[in-house]
N, C-alpha and C. Protein backbone atom coordinates (compact mmCIF):
# COMPACT_ATOMS: atom_id res chain seq x y z
N UNK A 1 -14.24 4.14 6.89
CA UNK A 1 -13.84 4.60 6.77
C UNK A 1 -12.34 3.88 6.54
N UNK A 2 -12.09 4.32 5.33
CA UNK A 2 -10.44 4.52 5.42
C UNK A 2 -9.84 5.79 4.67
N UNK A 3 -9.51 6.78 5.49
CA UNK A 3 -8.52 8.08 4.77
C UNK A 3 -6.99 7.15 4.39
N UNK A 4 -6.98 8.04 3.08
CA UNK A 4 -5.68 7.51 2.59
C UNK A 4 -4.91 9.39 1.97
N UNK A 5 -3.95 9.75 2.73
CA UNK A 5 -3.72 11.46 1.90
C UNK A 5 -2.33 10.88 1.81
N UNK A 6 -2.16 11.69 0.54
CA UNK A 6 -0.88 11.28 -0.66
C UNK A 6 -0.96 12.75 -1.08
N UNK A 7 0.06 12.82 -1.35
CA UNK A 7 1.14 13.56 -1.36
C UNK A 7 2.39 13.34 -2.02
N UNK A 8 3.03 14.29 -3.41
CA UNK A 8 4.33 13.96 -3.95
C UNK A 8 5.16 15.41 -3.72
N UNK A 9 6.94 14.78 -4.27
CA UNK A 9 7.98 15.93 -3.84
C UNK A 9 8.82 15.65 -4.88
N UNK A 10 9.40 16.83 -5.84
CA UNK A 10 10.34 16.96 -6.94
C UNK A 10 11.23 17.97 -6.72
N UNK A 11 12.21 17.33 -7.49
CA UNK A 11 13.50 18.56 -6.98
C UNK A 11 13.77 18.90 -8.84
N UNK A 12 13.22 19.73 -9.70
CA UNK A 12 13.21 20.28 -11.03
C UNK A 12 12.30 19.40 -11.62
N UNK A 13 12.17 19.66 -12.96
CA UNK A 13 10.53 20.02 -13.79
C UNK A 13 11.37 19.28 -15.09
N UNK A 14 10.82 17.66 -15.19
CA UNK A 14 11.14 17.30 -14.44
C UNK A 14 12.40 16.94 -13.99
N UNK A 15 12.37 16.01 -12.71
CA UNK A 15 13.77 15.77 -11.77
C UNK A 15 13.00 14.13 -10.77
N UNK A 16 14.34 14.46 -10.17
CA UNK A 16 13.86 13.33 -9.12
C UNK A 16 12.07 13.79 -7.83
N UNK A 17 11.90 12.30 -7.70
CA UNK A 17 10.88 12.94 -7.61
C UNK A 17 10.33 11.74 -6.45
N UNK A 18 9.81 11.71 -5.65
CA UNK A 18 8.63 10.79 -4.86
C UNK A 18 7.64 11.07 -4.07
N UNK A 19 6.84 10.05 -3.60
CA UNK A 19 5.77 9.85 -2.87
C UNK A 19 5.46 9.68 -1.20
N UNK A 20 4.47 10.24 -0.81
CA UNK A 20 4.37 9.89 0.25
C UNK A 20 3.06 9.67 0.77
N UNK A 21 2.31 8.49 1.08
CA UNK A 21 1.29 8.40 1.85
C UNK A 21 1.17 7.96 3.59
N UNK A 22 -0.25 8.69 3.89
CA UNK A 22 -1.11 8.39 5.42
C UNK A 22 -1.96 7.35 5.12
N UNK A 23 -2.30 6.48 5.90
CA UNK A 23 -3.24 5.82 5.51
C UNK A 23 -3.59 5.59 7.15
N UNK A 24 -4.71 6.05 7.73
CA UNK A 24 -5.91 5.81 8.02
C UNK A 24 -6.97 4.77 9.01
N UNK A 25 -6.65 3.62 9.57
CA UNK A 25 -8.24 2.90 9.36
C UNK A 25 -8.17 2.08 10.63
N UNK A 26 -9.21 1.97 11.06
CA UNK A 26 -9.61 1.15 12.49
C UNK A 26 -8.69 1.57 13.99
N UNK A 27 -7.80 2.84 13.66
CA UNK A 27 -7.33 3.63 14.72
C UNK A 27 -5.63 3.10 14.83
N UNK A 28 -5.72 2.52 13.32
CA UNK A 28 -4.39 2.44 12.80
C UNK A 28 -3.82 3.64 12.12
N UNK A 29 -2.38 4.25 11.87
CA UNK A 29 -1.51 4.40 11.06
C UNK A 29 -0.66 4.24 10.36
N UNK A 30 -0.82 4.32 9.68
CA UNK A 30 0.59 3.72 7.97
C UNK A 30 1.20 5.07 7.50
N UNK A 31 2.30 4.47 7.78
CA UNK A 31 3.11 6.41 6.83
C UNK A 31 3.67 4.83 5.97
N UNK A 32 4.02 5.78 4.82
CA UNK A 32 4.23 4.93 3.82
C UNK A 32 5.08 6.43 2.83
N UNK A 33 6.46 6.11 2.01
CA UNK A 33 7.10 7.03 2.09
C UNK A 33 7.91 5.77 0.43
N UNK A 34 7.99 6.22 -0.75
CA UNK A 34 8.55 5.94 -2.33
C UNK A 34 9.29 6.74 -3.09
N UNK A 35 10.41 6.12 -3.64
CA UNK A 35 11.22 7.06 -4.35
C UNK A 35 10.51 6.94 -5.43
N UNK A 36 9.93 7.88 -6.60
CA UNK A 36 9.67 7.96 -7.74
C UNK A 36 10.31 8.06 -8.84
N UNK A 37 10.21 7.72 -10.19
CA UNK A 37 11.57 7.76 -11.55
C UNK A 37 11.19 9.31 -11.39
N UNK A 38 12.26 10.08 -11.95
CA UNK A 38 12.26 11.07 -12.69
C UNK A 38 10.71 11.30 -13.38
N UNK A 39 9.80 12.60 -13.08
CA UNK A 39 9.03 13.18 -13.68
C UNK A 39 8.62 14.40 -12.63
N UNK A 40 7.74 15.74 -13.91
CA UNK A 40 7.53 16.41 -13.66
C UNK A 40 6.41 16.57 -11.87
N UNK A 41 5.92 17.32 -11.52
CA UNK A 41 5.34 17.51 -10.19
C UNK A 41 3.94 17.07 -10.48
N UNK A 42 3.38 17.36 -11.57
CA UNK A 42 1.90 16.77 -11.76
C UNK A 42 1.73 15.44 -11.92
N UNK A 43 2.81 14.43 -12.79
CA UNK A 43 2.66 13.50 -12.66
C UNK A 43 3.20 12.73 -11.59
N UNK A 44 3.92 13.44 -10.54
CA UNK A 44 4.43 12.77 -9.02
C UNK A 44 3.33 12.33 -8.65
N UNK A 45 1.99 13.37 -8.66
CA UNK A 45 0.94 13.77 -7.65
C UNK A 45 0.23 12.35 -7.77
N UNK A 46 -0.10 12.80 -9.62
CA UNK A 46 -0.72 11.10 -9.95
C UNK A 46 -0.25 9.85 -9.50
N UNK A 47 1.09 9.89 -9.49
CA UNK A 47 1.78 8.64 -9.18
C UNK A 47 2.00 8.25 -7.79
N UNK A 48 1.88 8.91 -6.77
CA UNK A 48 1.41 9.54 -4.99
C UNK A 48 0.48 8.86 -4.79
N UNK A 49 -0.90 9.24 -5.71
CA UNK A 49 -2.10 8.25 -5.16
C UNK A 49 -2.27 7.02 -5.40
N UNK A 50 -1.45 6.31 -6.75
CA UNK A 50 -1.14 5.67 -7.62
C UNK A 50 -0.78 4.41 -6.41
N UNK A 51 0.57 5.23 -5.99
CA UNK A 51 1.29 4.49 -4.57
C UNK A 51 0.05 4.14 -3.63
N UNK A 52 -0.24 4.84 -3.15
CA UNK A 52 -1.06 5.24 -2.12
C UNK A 52 -2.02 3.92 -1.99
N UNK A 53 -2.90 3.82 -3.31
CA UNK A 53 -3.91 2.99 -3.92
C UNK A 53 -3.85 1.21 -3.68
N UNK A 54 -2.31 1.63 -4.55
CA UNK A 54 -1.89 -0.04 -4.18
C UNK A 54 -1.06 -0.60 -3.11
N UNK A 55 -0.89 0.77 -2.01
CA UNK A 55 -0.69 -0.11 -0.85
C UNK A 55 -2.09 -0.56 -0.35
N UNK A 56 -3.04 0.30 -0.45
CA UNK A 56 -4.17 -0.37 0.46
C UNK A 56 -5.47 -1.87 -0.26
N UNK A 57 -4.44 -2.14 -1.90
CA UNK A 57 -4.83 -3.09 -2.09
C UNK A 57 -3.96 -4.13 -1.84
N UNK A 58 -2.83 -4.04 -1.62
CA UNK A 58 -2.04 -5.13 -0.85
C UNK A 58 -1.86 -5.34 0.41
N UNK A 59 -2.57 -4.64 0.86
CA UNK A 59 -3.10 -4.95 2.72
C UNK A 59 -4.39 -5.33 2.50
N UNK A 60 -5.14 -5.70 1.75
CA UNK A 60 -6.77 -5.84 1.51
C UNK A 60 -7.62 -5.04 2.15
N UNK A 61 -7.02 -4.00 2.14
CA UNK A 61 -7.68 -3.14 2.81
C UNK A 61 -9.13 -2.46 1.34
N UNK A 62 -9.74 -2.69 1.13
CA UNK A 62 -10.81 -1.83 0.10
C UNK A 62 -12.08 -2.58 0.11
N UNK A 63 -12.17 -3.04 1.53
CA UNK A 63 -13.69 -3.10 2.04
C UNK A 63 -14.77 -1.67 2.62
N UNK A 64 -13.59 -0.67 3.23
CA UNK A 64 -14.71 0.10 3.44
C UNK A 64 -15.05 1.15 2.48
N UNK A 65 -15.36 1.91 2.80
CA UNK A 65 -15.93 3.67 2.30
C UNK A 65 -13.90 4.37 2.22
N UNK A 66 -13.65 4.88 1.20
CA UNK A 66 -12.11 5.52 1.40
C UNK A 66 -12.52 6.82 0.99
N UNK A 67 -11.85 8.04 2.05
CA UNK A 67 -11.71 8.79 2.12
C UNK A 67 -10.12 9.57 1.25
N UNK A 68 -10.36 9.95 -0.26
CA UNK A 68 -9.01 10.11 -0.96
C UNK A 68 -8.37 11.50 -0.79
N UNK A 69 -7.63 11.97 0.35
CA UNK A 69 -6.94 13.22 0.59
C UNK A 69 -5.71 13.80 -0.42
N UNK A 70 -6.20 14.85 -1.05
CA UNK A 70 -4.81 14.84 -1.85
C UNK A 70 -5.03 17.07 -1.78
N UNK A 71 -3.36 17.52 -1.66
CA UNK A 71 -3.65 18.91 -1.81
C UNK A 71 -3.26 19.39 -3.42
N UNK A 72 -3.10 18.79 -4.75
CA UNK A 72 -3.19 18.73 -5.48
C UNK A 72 -4.68 19.21 -6.10
N UNK A 73 -5.25 20.44 -6.53
CA UNK A 73 -6.11 20.51 -7.13
C UNK A 73 -6.15 20.07 -8.65
N UNK A 74 -5.24 20.04 -9.46
CA UNK A 74 -5.50 19.21 -10.60
C UNK A 74 -5.80 18.10 -10.36
N UNK A 75 -5.12 16.90 -9.17
CA UNK A 75 -5.38 15.70 -9.15
C UNK A 75 -7.20 15.56 -8.70
N UNK A 76 -7.47 16.24 -7.88
CA UNK A 76 -9.05 16.51 -7.53
C UNK A 76 -9.95 16.58 -8.35
N UNK A 77 -9.42 17.44 -9.09
CA UNK A 77 -10.90 18.09 -10.31
C UNK A 77 -10.93 16.67 -11.60
N UNK A 78 -9.13 16.28 -11.18
CA UNK A 78 -9.30 15.20 -12.60
C UNK A 78 -10.55 14.02 -12.30
N UNK A 79 -10.07 13.61 -10.80
CA UNK A 79 -10.80 12.63 -10.42
C UNK A 79 -11.96 12.71 -10.68
N UNK A 80 -12.65 13.90 -9.79
CA UNK A 80 -13.95 14.35 -10.09
C UNK A 80 -14.89 14.05 -11.28
N UNK A 81 -13.63 14.57 -12.05
CA UNK A 81 -14.42 14.71 -13.57
C UNK A 81 -14.43 13.76 -14.27
N UNK A 82 -13.30 12.53 -13.62
CA UNK A 82 -12.73 11.48 -14.43
C UNK A 82 -12.12 11.79 -15.99
N UNK A 83 -11.42 12.79 -15.74
CA UNK A 83 -10.84 13.43 -17.25
C UNK A 83 -9.51 14.58 -16.77
N UNK A 84 -8.90 14.44 -17.59
CA UNK A 84 -7.61 14.73 -17.25
C UNK A 84 -6.36 15.02 -19.28
N UNK A 85 -6.37 16.03 -19.68
CA UNK A 85 -6.38 15.88 -20.55
C UNK A 85 -4.86 15.73 -21.25
N UNK A 86 -4.02 15.48 -19.98
CA UNK A 86 -2.70 15.19 -20.84
C UNK A 86 -2.19 14.26 -19.77
N UNK A 87 -3.49 14.08 -17.97
CA UNK A 87 -2.78 12.66 -17.80
C UNK A 87 -3.86 11.85 -18.00
N UNK A 88 -4.71 11.06 -18.58
CA UNK A 88 -5.84 10.22 -18.68
C UNK A 88 -5.72 8.84 -18.44
N UNK A 89 -4.57 8.56 -18.87
CA UNK A 89 -3.26 7.29 -18.24
C UNK A 89 -3.95 7.09 -16.79
N UNK A 90 -3.22 8.71 -16.11
CA UNK A 90 -3.19 8.07 -14.47
C UNK A 90 -4.50 8.09 -13.98
N UNK A 91 -4.99 8.87 -14.61
CA UNK A 91 -6.90 8.81 -14.44
C UNK A 91 -7.08 7.44 -14.23
N UNK A 92 -7.53 6.96 -15.28
CA UNK A 92 -8.12 6.21 -15.72
C UNK A 92 -7.37 4.79 -14.66
N UNK A 93 -6.01 5.08 -14.18
CA UNK A 93 -5.67 3.71 -13.58
C UNK A 93 -6.29 4.21 -12.02
N UNK A 94 -6.14 4.91 -11.90
CA UNK A 94 -7.15 5.45 -10.30
C UNK A 94 -8.24 4.82 -10.42
N UNK A 95 -8.89 5.48 -11.31
CA UNK A 95 -10.65 5.24 -11.49
C UNK A 95 -10.47 3.60 -11.13
N UNK A 96 -10.13 3.01 -11.50
CA UNK A 96 -9.90 1.69 -11.86
C UNK A 96 -10.07 0.87 -10.91
N UNK A 97 -8.73 1.40 -9.91
CA UNK A 97 -7.99 0.65 -8.61
C UNK A 97 -9.05 1.27 -7.57
N UNK A 98 -10.24 2.24 -7.60
CA UNK A 98 -10.83 2.84 -6.78
C UNK A 98 -12.31 2.02 -6.97
N UNK A 99 -13.07 1.33 -8.45
CA UNK A 99 -13.59 0.23 -8.29
C UNK A 99 -13.54 -0.60 -6.64
N UNK A 100 -12.68 -1.09 -6.66
CA UNK A 100 -12.46 -2.25 -6.24
C UNK A 100 -13.22 -1.74 -4.42
N UNK A 101 -13.54 -0.01 -4.09
CA UNK A 101 -13.92 0.35 -3.02
C UNK A 101 -15.40 0.76 -2.81
N UNK A 102 -16.13 0.02 -2.08
CA UNK A 102 -17.82 0.71 -2.27
C UNK A 102 -18.29 1.85 -2.29
N UNK A 103 -17.27 3.00 -1.26
CA UNK A 103 -17.94 4.21 -2.15
C UNK A 103 -16.83 5.06 -2.27
N UNK A 104 -16.20 5.99 -2.80
CA UNK A 104 -15.00 7.08 -2.58
C UNK A 104 -14.88 7.91 -2.75
N UNK A 105 -14.46 9.00 -1.84
CA UNK A 105 -14.93 10.34 -1.72
C UNK A 105 -13.56 11.60 -2.29
N UNK A 106 -13.15 11.90 -2.82
CA UNK A 106 -12.15 12.52 -3.05
C UNK A 106 -12.56 13.75 -2.00
N UNK A 107 -11.25 14.24 -1.79
CA UNK A 107 -11.22 16.00 -0.95
C UNK A 107 -10.06 16.32 -1.46
N UNK A 108 -10.41 17.69 -1.22
CA UNK A 108 -8.72 18.49 -1.42
C UNK A 108 -8.72 19.03 -0.47
N UNK A 109 -7.69 18.81 0.36
CA UNK A 109 -6.67 19.85 1.42
C UNK A 109 -5.72 21.33 1.36
N UNK A 110 -6.00 21.86 1.80
CA UNK A 110 -4.90 22.89 1.09
C UNK A 110 -3.71 22.32 1.97
N UNK A 111 -2.42 23.21 1.87
CA UNK A 111 -0.76 22.53 2.04
C UNK A 111 -0.98 22.18 3.73
N UNK A 112 -1.42 23.24 4.54
CA UNK A 112 -1.24 23.68 5.75
C UNK A 112 -1.82 22.03 6.65
N UNK A 113 -3.16 21.97 6.45
CA UNK A 113 -3.75 20.17 6.26
C UNK A 113 -3.28 19.36 5.71
N UNK A 114 -2.13 19.24 5.41
CA UNK A 114 -1.72 18.29 4.49
C UNK A 114 -0.21 17.81 4.68
N UNK A 115 0.08 17.64 6.03
CA UNK A 115 1.68 18.32 6.21
C UNK A 115 2.40 16.76 6.54
N UNK A 116 1.72 15.53 6.79
CA UNK A 116 1.89 14.51 7.12
C UNK A 116 2.26 13.91 5.83
N UNK A 117 1.84 13.92 4.69
CA UNK A 117 1.97 12.79 3.46
C UNK A 117 3.11 13.68 2.77
N UNK A 118 3.28 14.98 3.06
CA UNK A 118 3.94 16.19 2.38
C UNK A 118 5.42 15.46 2.82
N UNK A 119 5.75 15.80 4.16
CA UNK A 119 6.76 15.78 5.31
C UNK A 119 8.00 13.94 4.72
N UNK A 120 6.75 12.81 4.49
CA UNK A 120 6.81 11.57 4.07
C UNK A 120 7.64 11.89 2.27
N UNK A 121 6.64 12.54 1.68
CA UNK A 121 7.55 13.13 0.06
C UNK A 121 8.74 13.59 -0.21
N UNK A 122 8.93 14.76 1.33
CA UNK A 122 10.24 14.76 1.53
C UNK A 122 11.45 14.60 2.06
N UNK A 123 11.11 13.61 2.88
CA UNK A 123 12.11 12.32 3.42
C UNK A 123 12.34 11.80 2.51
N UNK A 124 11.97 11.22 1.62
CA UNK A 124 11.99 10.28 0.33
C UNK A 124 12.84 11.06 -0.64
N UNK A 125 12.59 11.90 -1.00
CA UNK A 125 13.40 12.94 -2.34
C UNK A 125 14.75 13.43 -1.62
N UNK A 126 14.38 13.71 0.21
CA UNK A 126 15.68 13.90 0.42
C UNK A 126 17.04 13.34 0.51
N UNK A 127 16.14 11.69 1.15
CA UNK A 127 17.13 10.21 0.89
C UNK A 127 17.36 9.96 -0.18
N UNK A 128 17.09 9.96 -1.55
CA UNK A 128 16.93 9.36 -2.63
C UNK A 128 18.54 10.75 -2.96
N UNK A 129 18.34 11.70 -3.37
CA UNK A 129 19.19 12.79 -3.55
C UNK A 129 20.70 13.17 -3.00
N UNK A 130 20.35 12.45 -1.44
CA UNK A 130 21.76 12.16 -0.99
C UNK A 130 22.39 10.90 -1.44
N UNK A 131 21.39 9.30 -1.40
CA UNK A 131 22.47 8.54 -1.21
C UNK A 131 22.88 8.69 -3.59
N UNK A 132 22.62 9.60 -3.78
CA UNK A 132 23.05 9.78 -5.65
C UNK A 132 24.45 9.91 -5.63
N UNK A 133 25.17 10.48 -4.31
CA UNK A 133 26.25 11.71 -4.62
C UNK A 133 27.50 10.28 -4.33
């Protein structure tokens, strides 16, 4: 099983944003972070999932069951339903990428269990804000 945990960080709404992803597979653990364009937190949460899924595809890690973990109830609920009123484009992009996996399980995690990707997103955002000066 491959575990992908993602999170986003934003400053303002909309504002500078960043994504963090932790990928665990075959006793390996990858920690990734990326600066995102200015956006609100909801869009950033979907962008973080897309960032993580693209990272899996780039590494050829689509051959096992995927457990996708998020602390965003909006992302979790939208992916489970396959629908989000204001985020359907993002939901469709995510679901299209998920089709490469034999099985995808969506898991909502409370914030206190979601520290890894949260810290990575915060680091990327902090670095982005400090390099703009």
